[in-house]
Amino acid sequence: MKTSLRVPAAPVNRNARAAALPRAGNVPAAWRDEVDRVLINDAQIARRVRAMSREIERDFKGHEMVVVSLLNGTVMFLADLIRHLSLPLRLDFIGVSSYGSGTTSGELVFTKELRIDVRGRDVLLVDDILDTGRTMKRVRAKIQSLCPRRIQVCVLLDKPSRRVETVQADYVGFTIPDLFVIGYGLDYAERYRNLPFVGVLKPEKIQI
């Protein structure tokens, strides 16, 4: 039976199922000065992404989907996710900027618009992390205004303790506590995206 993602004041979404957070691993020597610990290693990510792909294939069977990915943090997750999908799909990107060099969110700016017409089509909206929900709420509303048949949201990481908007995902890789995470596409000041794991940045490396 699926585990539902619960968000305060929002309806339960029965499609979302997050994997249990794995035990922390050892930080590779090259990153020990900057990474406090490995939260999710590459093997654990790979297993979960394959499982999510199977869930998506089952739910979108019989329909051509448009995968809409948020730039830039989704790149690694997106690539691994769609290579396991055997369904017909189209791929497009939407650019959104809400973080500067620090850790607090600022004004949301759309930096790239969709090129594919999603009217009447099934959309899978992919993001790396769902935390406050502000970005996802704005992006989902923007795509909804283009009249798709339906929108499903897929995220690698969910941080429900940070939620300020009643937004939830339909497919969740891992639910994590309120930690500043980097790697596997996630950055701090445009660094660390190339780490093959999700790690926790050392507090002294964060400049507020």
N, C-alpha and C. Protein backbone atom coordinates (compact mmCIF):
# COMPACT_ATOMS: atom_id res chain seq x y z
N MET A 1 0.84 -1.19 0.00
CA MET A 1 0.00 0.00 0.00
C MET A 1 0.88 1.24 0.00
N LYS A 2 0.48 2.25 -0.76
CA LYS A 2 1.27 3.46 -0.85
C LYS A 2 1.19 4.29 0.42
N THR A 3 2.28 4.95 0.73
CA THR A 3 2.30 5.87 1.85
C THR A 3 1.97 7.26 1.33
N SER A 4 0.99 7.90 1.90
CA SER A 4 0.56 9.20 1.42
C SER A 4 1.45 10.30 1.94
N LEU A 5 1.66 11.32 1.13
CA LEU A 5 2.37 12.51 1.54
C LEU A 5 1.37 13.44 2.20
N ARG A 6 1.63 13.80 3.44
CA ARG A 6 0.69 14.65 4.17
C ARG A 6 1.26 16.05 4.30
N VAL A 7 0.46 17.03 3.97
CA VAL A 7 0.82 18.43 4.06
C VAL A 7 -0.26 19.11 4.88
N PRO A 8 0.10 19.94 5.88
CA PRO A 8 -0.92 20.60 6.68
C PRO A 8 -1.90 21.38 5.82
N ALA A 9 -3.18 21.20 6.11
CA ALA A 9 -4.28 21.93 5.46
C ALA A 9 -4.45 21.59 4.00
N ALA A 10 -3.80 20.52 3.53
CA ALA A 10 -3.96 20.11 2.13
C ALA A 10 -4.54 18.71 2.09
N PRO A 11 -5.26 18.36 1.03
CA PRO A 11 -5.80 17.01 0.93
C PRO A 11 -4.70 15.98 0.75
N VAL A 12 -4.97 14.77 1.21
CA VAL A 12 -3.99 13.70 1.07
C VAL A 12 -3.90 13.28 -0.39
N ASN A 13 -2.68 13.16 -0.89
CA ASN A 13 -2.46 12.72 -2.26
C ASN A 13 -2.00 11.28 -2.23
N ARG A 14 -2.81 10.37 -2.72
CA ARG A 14 -2.52 8.95 -2.58
C ARG A 14 -1.53 8.42 -3.60
N ASN A 15 -1.11 9.25 -4.56
CA ASN A 15 -0.11 8.81 -5.52
C ASN A 15 1.31 8.98 -5.02
N ALA A 16 1.52 9.85 -4.04
CA ALA A 16 2.88 10.14 -3.58
C ALA A 16 3.36 9.06 -2.62
N ARG A 17 4.53 8.55 -2.89
CA ARG A 17 5.13 7.56 -2.01
C ARG A 17 6.61 7.84 -1.91
N ALA A 18 7.08 8.20 -0.72
CA ALA A 18 8.49 8.51 -0.53
C ALA A 18 9.19 7.32 0.10
N ALA A 19 10.42 7.10 -0.33
CA ALA A 19 11.22 6.03 0.27
C ALA A 19 11.69 6.47 1.65
N ALA A 20 11.93 5.49 2.52
CA ALA A 20 12.47 5.79 3.84
C ALA A 20 13.86 6.40 3.67
N LEU A 21 14.16 7.41 4.46
CA LEU A 21 15.46 8.06 4.37
C LEU A 21 16.54 7.08 4.79
N PRO A 22 17.53 6.82 3.92
CA PRO A 22 18.56 5.85 4.26
C PRO A 22 19.52 6.35 5.32
N ARG A 23 20.30 5.46 5.85
CA ARG A 23 21.30 5.82 6.85
C ARG A 23 22.42 6.61 6.18
N ALA A 24 22.98 7.55 6.92
CA ALA A 24 24.03 8.40 6.37
C ALA A 24 25.25 7.58 6.00
N GLY A 25 25.92 7.99 4.93
CA GLY A 25 27.12 7.29 4.49
C GLY A 25 28.36 8.13 4.69
N ASN A 26 29.50 7.58 4.32
CA ASN A 26 30.77 8.28 4.45
C ASN A 26 30.97 9.25 3.31
N VAL A 27 31.55 10.40 3.62
CA VAL A 27 31.82 11.42 2.61
C VAL A 27 33.12 11.06 1.89
N PRO A 28 33.10 11.05 0.54
CA PRO A 28 34.36 10.82 -0.19
C PRO A 28 35.42 11.83 0.22
N ALA A 29 36.68 11.41 0.21
CA ALA A 29 37.78 12.24 0.70
C ALA A 29 37.83 13.61 0.04
N ALA A 30 37.52 13.68 -1.25
CA ALA A 30 37.61 14.94 -1.98
C ALA A 30 36.64 16.00 -1.47
N TRP A 31 35.61 15.59 -0.75
CA TRP A 31 34.57 16.53 -0.34
C TRP A 31 34.48 16.72 1.18
N ARG A 32 35.38 16.12 1.93
CA ARG A 32 35.25 16.13 3.40
C ARG A 32 35.40 17.51 4.02
N ASP A 33 36.07 18.42 3.35
CA ASP A 33 36.22 19.77 3.90
C ASP A 33 34.95 20.60 3.78
N GLU A 34 34.04 20.16 2.89
CA GLU A 34 32.85 20.98 2.63
C GLU A 34 31.53 20.27 2.91
N VAL A 35 31.53 18.96 2.84
CA VAL A 35 30.30 18.19 3.03
C VAL A 35 30.31 17.54 4.41
N ASP A 36 29.26 17.80 5.17
CA ASP A 36 29.18 17.27 6.53
C ASP A 36 28.92 15.77 6.53
N ARG A 37 27.99 15.32 5.68
CA ARG A 37 27.71 13.89 5.57
C ARG A 37 26.91 13.60 4.30
N VAL A 38 26.97 12.35 3.89
CA VAL A 38 26.15 11.89 2.78
C VAL A 38 24.78 11.52 3.32
N LEU A 39 23.75 12.14 2.78
CA LEU A 39 22.40 11.84 3.23
C LEU A 39 21.81 10.68 2.44
N ILE A 40 22.01 10.69 1.12
CA ILE A 40 21.50 9.64 0.24
C ILE A 40 22.59 9.35 -0.79
N ASN A 41 23.07 8.11 -0.85
CA ASN A 41 24.16 7.83 -1.78
C ASN A 41 23.65 7.51 -3.18
N ASP A 42 24.57 7.36 -4.12
CA ASP A 42 24.19 7.21 -5.52
C ASP A 42 23.41 5.92 -5.78
N ALA A 43 23.76 4.83 -5.10
CA ALA A 43 23.04 3.57 -5.30
C ALA A 43 21.61 3.68 -4.79
N GLN A 44 21.41 4.34 -3.67
CA GLN A 44 20.07 4.52 -3.12
C GLN A 44 19.22 5.41 -4.02
N ILE A 45 19.83 6.45 -4.57
CA ILE A 45 19.12 7.31 -5.52
C ILE A 45 18.71 6.52 -6.74
N ALA A 46 19.63 5.73 -7.29
CA ALA A 46 19.34 4.97 -8.52
C ALA A 46 18.17 4.02 -8.32
N ARG A 47 18.15 3.32 -7.19
CA ARG A 47 17.04 2.38 -6.92
C ARG A 47 15.72 3.11 -6.84
N ARG A 48 15.71 4.24 -6.14
CA ARG A 48 14.45 4.96 -5.96
C ARG A 48 13.95 5.57 -7.27
N VAL A 49 14.87 6.09 -8.07
CA VAL A 49 14.48 6.69 -9.34
C VAL A 49 13.88 5.63 -10.27
N ARG A 50 14.45 4.43 -10.29
CA ARG A 50 13.87 3.36 -11.09
C ARG A 50 12.46 3.02 -10.62
N ALA A 51 12.26 2.99 -9.32
CA ALA A 51 10.93 2.69 -8.77
C ALA A 51 9.93 3.78 -9.14
N MET A 52 10.36 5.04 -9.07
CA MET A 52 9.47 6.14 -9.44
C MET A 52 9.10 6.07 -10.91
N SER A 53 10.06 5.69 -11.75
CA SER A 53 9.77 5.57 -13.18
C SER A 53 8.69 4.54 -13.43
N ARG A 54 8.74 3.45 -12.69
CA ARG A 54 7.70 2.41 -12.86
C ARG A 54 6.33 2.93 -12.44
N GLU A 55 6.27 3.70 -11.38
CA GLU A 55 5.00 4.29 -10.94
C GLU A 55 4.45 5.24 -12.00
N ILE A 56 5.32 6.05 -12.56
CA ILE A 56 4.90 7.02 -13.59
C ILE A 56 4.42 6.29 -14.84
N GLU A 57 5.14 5.26 -15.26
CA GLU A 57 4.72 4.49 -16.44
C GLU A 57 3.34 3.91 -16.24
N ARG A 58 3.07 3.39 -15.07
CA ARG A 58 1.76 2.81 -14.80
C ARG A 58 0.67 3.86 -14.85
N ASP A 59 0.91 5.02 -14.29
CA ASP A 59 -0.13 6.06 -14.20
C ASP A 59 -0.35 6.80 -15.51
N PHE A 60 0.66 6.87 -16.38
CA PHE A 60 0.54 7.59 -17.64
C PHE A 60 0.33 6.65 -18.82
N LYS A 61 0.17 5.38 -18.58
CA LYS A 61 0.02 4.41 -19.66
C LYS A 61 -1.17 4.79 -20.55
N GLY A 62 -0.93 4.75 -21.86
CA GLY A 62 -1.99 5.08 -22.80
C GLY A 62 -2.07 6.54 -23.17
N HIS A 63 -1.18 7.36 -22.61
CA HIS A 63 -1.19 8.79 -22.90
C HIS A 63 0.21 9.26 -23.23
N GLU A 64 0.32 10.17 -24.19
CA GLU A 64 1.61 10.80 -24.46
C GLU A 64 1.80 11.94 -23.48
N MET A 65 2.88 11.90 -22.75
CA MET A 65 3.11 12.92 -21.73
C MET A 65 4.07 14.00 -22.24
N VAL A 66 3.94 15.17 -21.65
CA VAL A 66 4.93 16.23 -21.81
C VAL A 66 5.63 16.37 -20.46
N VAL A 67 6.91 16.09 -20.46
CA VAL A 67 7.71 16.27 -19.25
C VAL A 67 8.23 17.70 -19.23
N VAL A 68 7.87 18.43 -18.19
CA VAL A 68 8.32 19.81 -18.02
C VAL A 68 9.24 19.84 -16.80
N SER A 69 10.49 20.19 -17.04
CA SER A 69 11.48 20.17 -15.98
C SER A 69 11.90 21.58 -15.61
N LEU A 70 12.04 21.83 -14.32
CA LEU A 70 12.51 23.13 -13.84
C LEU A 70 14.03 23.17 -13.89
N LEU A 71 14.56 24.21 -14.48
CA LEU A 71 16.01 24.40 -14.54
C LEU A 71 16.48 25.12 -13.27
N ASN A 72 17.74 24.87 -12.78
CA ASN A 72 18.73 23.99 -13.37
C ASN A 72 18.91 22.72 -12.54
N GLY A 73 18.37 22.71 -11.35
CA GLY A 73 18.69 21.66 -10.39
C GLY A 73 18.19 20.27 -10.75
N THR A 74 17.27 20.18 -11.70
CA THR A 74 16.67 18.88 -12.01
C THR A 74 17.49 18.06 -13.00
N VAL A 75 18.54 18.61 -13.57
CA VAL A 75 19.18 18.00 -14.74
C VAL A 75 19.58 16.55 -14.51
N MET A 76 20.27 16.25 -13.42
CA MET A 76 20.72 14.88 -13.18
C MET A 76 19.54 13.96 -12.88
N PHE A 77 18.64 14.40 -12.04
CA PHE A 77 17.46 13.62 -11.70
C PHE A 77 16.61 13.36 -12.93
N LEU A 78 16.39 14.39 -13.72
CA LEU A 78 15.59 14.26 -14.93
C LEU A 78 16.18 13.23 -15.88
N ALA A 79 17.48 13.32 -16.13
CA ALA A 79 18.14 12.40 -17.06
C ALA A 79 17.97 10.96 -16.62
N ASP A 80 18.17 10.70 -15.34
CA ASP A 80 18.04 9.33 -14.83
C ASP A 80 16.58 8.87 -14.87
N LEU A 81 15.66 9.79 -14.60
CA LEU A 81 14.25 9.43 -14.56
C LEU A 81 13.73 9.04 -15.94
N ILE A 82 13.96 9.89 -16.94
CA ILE A 82 13.33 9.65 -18.24
C ILE A 82 13.99 8.52 -19.02
N ARG A 83 15.24 8.18 -18.71
CA ARG A 83 15.84 7.08 -19.45
C ARG A 83 15.26 5.73 -19.05
N HIS A 84 14.51 5.71 -17.94
CA HIS A 84 13.81 4.49 -17.53
C HIS A 84 12.36 4.47 -18.00
N LEU A 85 11.92 5.52 -18.68
CA LEU A 85 10.53 5.59 -19.15
C LEU A 85 10.45 5.10 -20.60
N SER A 86 9.60 4.13 -20.84
CA SER A 86 9.41 3.62 -22.20
C SER A 86 8.17 4.20 -22.87
N LEU A 87 7.51 5.14 -22.20
CA LEU A 87 6.33 5.79 -22.76
C LEU A 87 6.74 6.85 -23.77
N PRO A 88 5.88 7.13 -24.76
CA PRO A 88 6.16 8.27 -25.64
C PRO A 88 6.07 9.57 -24.85
N LEU A 89 7.03 10.45 -25.06
CA LEU A 89 7.01 11.71 -24.31
C LEU A 89 7.66 12.82 -25.11
N ARG A 90 7.30 14.03 -24.72
CA ARG A 90 7.98 15.23 -25.21
C ARG A 90 8.59 15.91 -24.00
N LEU A 91 9.69 16.61 -24.24
CA LEU A 91 10.44 17.21 -23.14
C LEU A 91 10.60 18.70 -23.37
N ASP A 92 10.33 19.47 -22.31
CA ASP A 92 10.55 20.91 -22.37
C ASP A 92 11.02 21.37 -20.99
N PHE A 93 11.52 22.58 -20.96
CA PHE A 93 12.07 23.14 -19.72
C PHE A 93 11.43 24.49 -19.44
N ILE A 94 11.30 24.77 -18.14
CA ILE A 94 10.86 26.10 -17.72
C ILE A 94 11.91 26.62 -16.74
N GLY A 95 12.33 27.86 -16.96
CA GLY A 95 13.36 28.44 -16.11
C GLY A 95 12.76 29.31 -15.03
N VAL A 96 13.18 29.04 -13.81
CA VAL A 96 12.68 29.80 -12.66
C VAL A 96 13.85 30.13 -11.76
N SER A 97 13.92 31.35 -11.31
CA SER A 97 14.98 31.74 -10.39
C SER A 97 14.34 32.32 -9.13
N SER A 98 14.65 31.68 -8.00
CA SER A 98 14.13 32.20 -6.73
C SER A 98 15.19 32.22 -5.64
N TYR A 99 16.40 31.73 -5.95
CA TYR A 99 17.48 31.70 -4.97
C TYR A 99 18.67 32.47 -5.50
N GLY A 100 19.26 33.26 -4.63
CA GLY A 100 20.50 33.94 -4.98
C GLY A 100 21.68 33.13 -4.47
N SER A 101 22.72 33.79 -4.04
CA SER A 101 23.90 33.07 -3.56
C SER A 101 23.73 32.60 -2.13
N GLY A 102 22.71 33.10 -1.43
CA GLY A 102 22.47 32.69 -0.06
C GLY A 102 21.48 31.56 0.04
N THR A 103 20.84 31.43 1.20
CA THR A 103 19.94 30.31 1.45
C THR A 103 18.49 30.72 1.52
N THR A 104 18.19 32.00 1.40
CA THR A 104 16.80 32.44 1.50
C THR A 104 16.24 32.73 0.12
N SER A 105 14.95 32.47 -0.05
CA SER A 105 14.34 32.67 -1.35
C SER A 105 14.00 34.14 -1.55
N GLY A 106 14.08 34.57 -2.79
CA GLY A 106 13.74 35.93 -3.13
C GLY A 106 12.56 35.97 -4.07
N GLU A 107 12.46 37.05 -4.83
CA GLU A 107 11.36 37.19 -5.77
C GLU A 107 11.49 36.15 -6.89
N LEU A 108 10.38 35.55 -7.26
CA LEU A 108 10.39 34.51 -8.30
C LEU A 108 10.38 35.17 -9.67
N VAL A 109 11.32 34.74 -10.52
CA VAL A 109 11.44 35.27 -11.87
C VAL A 109 11.45 34.10 -12.84
N PHE A 110 10.61 34.16 -13.88
CA PHE A 110 10.64 33.15 -14.92
C PHE A 110 11.70 33.54 -15.94
N THR A 111 12.68 32.68 -16.11
CA THR A 111 13.81 32.96 -17.00
C THR A 111 13.71 32.21 -18.33
N LYS A 112 12.82 31.24 -18.43
CA LYS A 112 12.59 30.52 -19.67
C LYS A 112 11.14 30.07 -19.72
N GLU A 113 10.50 30.30 -20.85
CA GLU A 113 9.11 29.89 -21.04
C GLU A 113 9.05 28.56 -21.79
N LEU A 114 7.91 27.89 -21.70
CA LEU A 114 7.72 26.65 -22.45
C LEU A 114 7.62 26.93 -23.94
N ARG A 115 8.14 26.00 -24.73
CA ARG A 115 8.02 26.10 -26.19
C ARG A 115 6.97 25.12 -26.73
N ILE A 116 6.75 24.03 -26.00
CA ILE A 116 5.78 23.02 -26.44
C ILE A 116 4.38 23.41 -25.97
N ASP A 117 3.41 23.21 -26.82
CA ASP A 117 2.01 23.47 -26.48
C ASP A 117 1.49 22.31 -25.63
N VAL A 118 1.08 22.58 -24.40
CA VAL A 118 0.62 21.52 -23.50
C VAL A 118 -0.91 21.44 -23.44
N ARG A 119 -1.60 22.21 -24.23
CA ARG A 119 -3.06 22.22 -24.20
C ARG A 119 -3.61 20.81 -24.46
N GLY A 120 -4.44 20.34 -23.52
CA GLY A 120 -5.08 19.04 -23.66
C GLY A 120 -4.17 17.85 -23.43
N ARG A 121 -2.93 18.08 -23.00
CA ARG A 121 -1.96 17.00 -22.82
C ARG A 121 -1.69 16.74 -21.34
N ASP A 122 -1.16 15.55 -21.08
CA ASP A 122 -0.76 15.18 -19.73
C ASP A 122 0.65 15.70 -19.45
N VAL A 123 0.80 16.44 -18.37
CA VAL A 123 2.08 17.06 -18.03
C VAL A 123 2.65 16.42 -16.77
N LEU A 124 3.91 16.02 -16.85
CA LEU A 124 4.66 15.61 -15.66
C LEU A 124 5.64 16.73 -15.35
N LEU A 125 5.40 17.42 -14.24
CA LEU A 125 6.24 18.54 -13.83
C LEU A 125 7.30 18.03 -12.86
N VAL A 126 8.57 18.19 -13.24
CA VAL A 126 9.68 17.60 -12.48
C VAL A 126 10.52 18.69 -11.83
N ASP A 127 10.78 18.51 -10.53
CA ASP A 127 11.65 19.43 -9.80
C ASP A 127 12.57 18.62 -8.90
N ASP A 128 13.64 19.28 -8.45
CA ASP A 128 14.59 18.56 -7.59
C ASP A 128 14.11 18.48 -6.15
N ILE A 129 13.57 19.58 -5.62
CA ILE A 129 13.18 19.60 -4.21
C ILE A 129 11.94 20.46 -4.01
N LEU A 130 11.07 20.00 -3.15
CA LEU A 130 9.87 20.74 -2.77
C LEU A 130 10.02 21.11 -1.30
N ASP A 131 10.17 22.42 -1.05
CA ASP A 131 10.31 22.84 0.35
C ASP A 131 9.19 23.79 0.77
N THR A 132 9.34 25.08 0.57
CA THR A 132 8.26 25.99 0.99
C THR A 132 7.01 25.82 0.14
N GLY A 133 7.20 25.43 -1.11
CA GLY A 133 6.07 25.28 -2.02
C GLY A 133 5.77 26.52 -2.83
N ARG A 134 6.46 27.63 -2.55
CA ARG A 134 6.17 28.89 -3.26
C ARG A 134 6.46 28.76 -4.75
N THR A 135 7.62 28.23 -5.09
CA THR A 135 7.99 28.09 -6.50
C THR A 135 7.04 27.14 -7.21
N MET A 136 6.80 25.99 -6.61
CA MET A 136 5.95 25.00 -7.26
C MET A 136 4.53 25.54 -7.45
N LYS A 137 4.02 26.28 -6.49
CA LYS A 137 2.67 26.84 -6.62
C LYS A 137 2.59 27.77 -7.83
N ARG A 138 3.59 28.65 -7.99
CA ARG A 138 3.59 29.59 -9.11
C ARG A 138 3.76 28.87 -10.44
N VAL A 139 4.67 27.92 -10.50
CA VAL A 139 4.93 27.21 -11.75
C VAL A 139 3.72 26.38 -12.15
N ARG A 140 3.13 25.70 -11.19
CA ARG A 140 1.97 24.87 -11.50
C ARG A 140 0.81 25.74 -12.01
N ALA A 141 0.61 26.88 -11.39
CA ALA A 141 -0.46 27.78 -11.82
C ALA A 141 -0.20 28.29 -13.24
N LYS A 142 1.06 28.56 -13.54
CA LYS A 142 1.41 29.05 -14.87
C LYS A 142 1.10 27.99 -15.93
N ILE A 143 1.48 26.74 -15.64
CA ILE A 143 1.21 25.67 -16.59
C ILE A 143 -0.28 25.38 -16.68
N GLN A 144 -0.97 25.45 -15.55
CA GLN A 144 -2.42 25.22 -15.55
C GLN A 144 -3.14 26.22 -16.44
N SER A 145 -2.62 27.43 -16.52
CA SER A 145 -3.24 28.46 -17.36
C SER A 145 -3.12 28.13 -18.85
N LEU A 146 -2.26 27.16 -19.20
CA LEU A 146 -2.08 26.74 -20.59
C LEU A 146 -3.01 25.59 -20.96
N CYS A 147 -3.89 25.21 -20.02
CA CYS A 147 -4.97 24.25 -20.26
C CYS A 147 -4.50 22.82 -20.60
N PRO A 148 -3.61 22.23 -19.80
CA PRO A 148 -3.29 20.82 -20.01
C PRO A 148 -4.44 19.94 -19.56
N ARG A 149 -4.43 18.67 -19.97
CA ARG A 149 -5.46 17.75 -19.51
C ARG A 149 -5.30 17.48 -18.01
N ARG A 150 -4.06 17.30 -17.58
CA ARG A 150 -3.77 17.15 -16.16
C ARG A 150 -2.30 17.45 -15.91
N ILE A 151 -1.97 17.75 -14.66
CA ILE A 151 -0.59 17.98 -14.25
C ILE A 151 -0.29 17.08 -13.06
N GLN A 152 0.79 16.32 -13.15
CA GLN A 152 1.29 15.53 -12.03
C GLN A 152 2.67 16.07 -11.67
N VAL A 153 2.97 16.12 -10.39
CA VAL A 153 4.23 16.70 -9.92
C VAL A 153 5.14 15.60 -9.38
N CYS A 154 6.39 15.63 -9.82
CA CYS A 154 7.39 14.64 -9.42
C CYS A 154 8.61 15.36 -8.86
N VAL A 155 9.00 15.02 -7.65
CA VAL A 155 10.19 15.64 -7.04
C VAL A 155 11.10 14.56 -6.46
N LEU A 156 12.38 14.83 -6.50
CA LEU A 156 13.33 13.91 -5.88
C LEU A 156 13.24 13.99 -4.36
N LEU A 157 13.21 15.21 -3.83
CA LEU A 157 13.23 15.42 -2.38
C LEU A 157 12.03 16.25 -1.95
N ASP A 158 11.49 15.90 -0.80
CA ASP A 158 10.40 16.68 -0.20
C ASP A 158 10.82 17.06 1.21
N LYS A 159 10.67 18.34 1.52
CA LYS A 159 11.02 18.87 2.84
C LYS A 159 9.76 19.48 3.46
N PRO A 160 8.82 18.66 3.94
CA PRO A 160 7.51 19.17 4.37
C PRO A 160 7.57 20.11 5.57
N SER A 161 8.63 20.02 6.39
CA SER A 161 8.71 20.89 7.56
C SER A 161 8.87 22.35 7.17
N ARG A 162 9.25 22.61 5.92
CA ARG A 162 9.45 23.99 5.45
C ARG A 162 8.23 24.55 4.72
N ARG A 163 7.18 23.76 4.58
CA ARG A 163 6.07 24.16 3.72
C ARG A 163 5.31 25.38 4.25
N VAL A 164 5.09 26.35 3.37
CA VAL A 164 4.25 27.50 3.71
C VAL A 164 3.05 27.59 2.77
N GLU A 165 3.08 26.84 1.66
CA GLU A 165 1.96 26.78 0.74
C GLU A 165 1.40 25.35 0.75
N THR A 166 0.09 25.24 0.51
CA THR A 166 -0.54 23.92 0.52
C THR A 166 -0.32 23.25 -0.83
N VAL A 167 0.92 22.86 -1.04
CA VAL A 167 1.35 22.22 -2.29
C VAL A 167 1.89 20.85 -1.95
N GLN A 168 1.59 19.88 -2.80
CA GLN A 168 2.12 18.54 -2.58
C GLN A 168 2.51 17.92 -3.91
N ALA A 169 3.31 16.88 -3.83
CA ALA A 169 3.78 16.19 -5.03
C ALA A 169 3.06 14.86 -5.18
N ASP A 170 2.96 14.41 -6.42
CA ASP A 170 2.34 13.12 -6.72
C ASP A 170 3.35 11.97 -6.66
N TYR A 171 4.61 12.27 -6.92
CA TYR A 171 5.69 11.28 -6.85
C TYR A 171 6.84 11.90 -6.08
N VAL A 172 7.27 11.23 -5.02
CA VAL A 172 8.33 11.75 -4.15
C VAL A 172 9.42 10.71 -4.01
N GLY A 173 10.66 11.14 -4.22
CA GLY A 173 11.78 10.23 -4.04
C GLY A 173 12.05 9.96 -2.58
N PHE A 174 12.41 11.00 -1.84
CA PHE A 174 12.74 10.87 -0.42
C PHE A 174 12.18 12.07 0.33
N THR A 175 11.63 11.84 1.51
CA THR A 175 11.25 12.92 2.42
C THR A 175 12.41 13.15 3.37
N ILE A 176 12.86 14.39 3.46
CA ILE A 176 14.05 14.70 4.26
C ILE A 176 13.72 15.75 5.33
N PRO A 177 14.54 15.80 6.39
CA PRO A 177 14.36 16.86 7.39
C PRO A 177 14.88 18.19 6.87
N ASP A 178 14.77 19.22 7.70
CA ASP A 178 15.15 20.58 7.29
C ASP A 178 16.67 20.74 7.37
N LEU A 179 17.34 20.23 6.34
CA LEU A 179 18.79 20.33 6.21
C LEU A 179 19.11 21.03 4.90
N PHE A 180 20.27 21.70 4.84
CA PHE A 180 20.68 22.33 3.59
C PHE A 180 21.44 21.31 2.77
N VAL A 181 20.77 20.79 1.75
CA VAL A 181 21.32 19.68 0.97
C VAL A 181 21.88 20.15 -0.36
N ILE A 182 22.89 19.42 -0.82
CA ILE A 182 23.56 19.72 -2.07
C ILE A 182 23.84 18.41 -2.80
N GLY A 183 24.20 18.52 -4.07
CA GLY A 183 24.59 17.35 -4.84
C GLY A 183 23.46 16.79 -5.67
N TYR A 184 23.82 15.95 -6.63
CA TYR A 184 22.89 15.33 -7.57
C TYR A 184 21.99 16.40 -8.20
N GLY A 185 22.62 17.49 -8.60
CA GLY A 185 21.91 18.59 -9.24
C GLY A 185 21.62 19.77 -8.34
N LEU A 186 21.54 19.55 -7.03
CA LEU A 186 21.25 20.65 -6.12
C LEU A 186 22.54 21.42 -5.83
N ASP A 187 22.40 22.75 -5.73
CA ASP A 187 23.59 23.58 -5.60
C ASP A 187 23.55 24.47 -4.37
N TYR A 188 24.70 25.04 -4.08
CA TYR A 188 24.81 26.21 -3.21
C TYR A 188 25.71 27.18 -3.95
N ALA A 189 25.17 28.35 -4.31
CA ALA A 189 25.91 29.35 -5.08
C ALA A 189 26.47 28.74 -6.36
N GLU A 190 25.67 27.90 -7.02
CA GLU A 190 25.99 27.24 -8.29
C GLU A 190 27.15 26.25 -8.18
N ARG A 191 27.45 25.80 -6.99
CA ARG A 191 28.47 24.77 -6.79
C ARG A 191 27.81 23.47 -6.31
N TYR A 192 28.54 22.38 -6.40
CA TYR A 192 28.17 21.06 -5.87
C TYR A 192 27.14 20.29 -6.69
N ARG A 193 26.68 20.83 -7.81
CA ARG A 193 25.68 20.11 -8.60
C ARG A 193 26.20 18.76 -9.09
N ASN A 194 27.50 18.65 -9.29
CA ASN A 194 28.09 17.45 -9.87
C ASN A 194 28.33 16.32 -8.88
N LEU A 195 28.05 16.52 -7.60
CA LEU A 195 28.21 15.43 -6.64
C LEU A 195 27.25 14.30 -7.01
N PRO A 196 27.70 13.04 -6.99
CA PRO A 196 26.82 11.93 -7.37
C PRO A 196 25.86 11.51 -6.27
N PHE A 197 25.92 12.14 -5.13
CA PHE A 197 25.08 11.83 -3.98
C PHE A 197 24.40 13.11 -3.48
N VAL A 198 23.42 12.94 -2.60
CA VAL A 198 22.83 14.08 -1.89
C VAL A 198 23.51 14.18 -0.54
N GLY A 199 24.14 15.31 -0.29
CA GLY A 199 24.86 15.49 0.96
C GLY A 199 24.39 16.72 1.71
N VAL A 200 24.89 16.86 2.93
CA VAL A 200 24.56 18.01 3.78
C VAL A 200 25.78 18.91 3.82
N LEU A 201 25.60 20.18 3.44
CA LEU A 201 26.68 21.13 3.43
C LEU A 201 27.05 21.53 4.86
N LYS A 202 28.34 21.63 5.12
CA LYS A 202 28.79 22.05 6.45
C LYS A 202 28.29 23.46 6.75
N PRO A 203 27.77 23.70 7.95
CA PRO A 203 27.20 25.02 8.28
C PRO A 203 28.16 26.17 8.07
N GLU A 204 29.45 25.95 8.32
CA GLU A 204 30.40 27.05 8.17
C GLU A 204 30.63 27.45 6.72
N LYS A 205 30.16 26.63 5.78
CA LYS A 205 30.30 26.96 4.36
C LYS A 205 29.12 27.78 3.84
N ILE A 206 28.09 27.95 4.67
CA ILE A 206 26.90 28.68 4.26
C ILE A 206 27.00 30.14 4.70
N GLN A 207 26.85 31.03 3.75
CA GLN A 207 26.88 32.46 4.03
C GLN A 207 25.45 32.99 3.92
N ILE A 208 24.93 33.45 5.01
CA ILE A 208 23.55 33.97 5.04
C ILE A 208 23.52 35.35 4.37
